Protein backbone atom coordinates (compact mmCIF):
# COMPACT_ATOMS: atom_id res chain seq x y z
CA MET A 1 -7.59 -3.80 -19.63
CA PRO A 2 -4.24 -3.92 -18.01
CA THR A 3 -2.73 -1.04 -16.39
CA ILE A 4 0.77 -0.09 -15.66
CA ASP A 5 1.59 -0.31 -11.35
CA HIS A 6 3.46 2.59 -10.41
CA ASN A 7 4.23 0.30 -6.73
CA LEU A 8 4.84 -2.78 -9.38
CA LEU A 9 7.69 -0.52 -11.09
CA ARG A 10 9.58 0.09 -8.19
CA ALA A 11 8.67 -2.83 -6.22
CA ALA A 12 10.54 -5.10 -9.75
CA ARG A 13 13.29 -2.18 -9.41
CA GLU A 14 14.44 -2.79 -5.25
CA ALA A 15 14.21 -7.01 -6.38
CA ALA A 16 16.35 -6.30 -8.63
CA GLY A 17 18.67 -4.37 -6.65
CA LEU A 18 19.40 -1.30 -8.36
CA THR A 19 18.43 2.14 -7.45
CA ARG A 20 16.85 4.89 -9.13
CA GLU A 21 20.01 6.32 -10.59
CA GLN A 22 21.03 2.61 -11.14
CA ALA A 23 17.83 2.16 -13.44
CA GLY A 24 17.92 5.57 -14.96
CA THR A 25 21.39 5.22 -16.23
CA ALA A 26 20.71 1.42 -17.72
CA LEU A 27 17.03 3.20 -19.35
CA ALA A 28 18.58 6.27 -20.46
CA ARG A 29 16.71 8.54 -17.98
CA SER A 30 16.62 10.90 -15.52
CA TYR A 31 16.11 10.04 -11.93
CA PRO A 32 13.16 12.25 -11.81
CA ALA A 33 11.70 10.67 -15.18
CA ILE A 34 12.53 7.11 -12.95
CA GLN A 35 10.66 8.29 -10.13
CA ALA A 36 8.21 9.95 -11.38
CA TYR A 37 6.76 6.44 -13.41
CA GLU A 38 7.22 4.93 -9.89
CA ARG A 39 4.68 7.72 -8.52
CA GLY A 40 2.38 6.76 -11.08
CA VAL A 41 2.63 10.91 -12.10
CA ILE A 42 3.92 9.73 -15.27
CA VAL A 43 3.90 6.82 -17.74
CA PRO A 44 6.57 5.03 -19.18
CA PRO A 45 6.06 5.04 -23.43
CA GLY A 46 5.91 1.66 -23.80
CA ASN A 47 9.76 0.99 -25.45
CA VAL A 48 10.68 2.29 -21.53
CA LEU A 49 8.36 -0.65 -19.66
CA ILE A 50 9.63 -2.98 -22.38
CA ALA A 51 13.18 -2.23 -21.66
CA MET A 52 12.10 -1.82 -17.77
CA ALA A 53 10.83 -5.56 -17.82
CA ARG A 54 14.32 -6.57 -19.05
CA LEU A 55 16.50 -4.73 -16.75
CA TYR A 56 14.17 -6.03 -13.24
CA GLY A 57 14.28 -10.02 -15.33
CA VAL A 58 10.54 -9.55 -14.93
CA ALA A 59 7.54 -9.57 -17.65
CA VAL A 60 6.09 -6.93 -18.53
CA GLU A 61 2.50 -7.94 -17.54
CA ASP A 62 4.35 -8.52 -13.87
CA LEU A 63 4.33 -4.50 -14.27
CA CYS A 64 0.85 -4.35 -14.46
CA ARG A 65 -1.57 -4.74 -12.34
CA ASP A 66 -5.61 -6.05 -14.28
CA ASP A 67 -8.58 -3.77 -13.70
CA LYS A 68 -11.16 -5.50 -14.27
CA PRO A 69 -14.24 -6.23 -11.46
CA ALA A 70 -13.38 -10.29 -9.87
CA GLY A 71 -15.23 -12.48 -11.07
CA VAL A 72 -15.63 -10.16 -15.34
CA ARG A 73 -13.62 -11.85 -18.19
């Protein structure tokens, strides 16, 4: 099952050229909330994850990693 990867959240934001403040404003979230998502302290709700993907110009799947062991389908 895919899991949100907090490192990918940060990388996608940075690739979009946004600061945490800018992302927070666009997503109606505080700087501490964006920081917590990117540190893996809090998992963003589904609606926020979708909004993040749109804002960053990526697919939701690009913000996740697959937890299946190699070779398992």
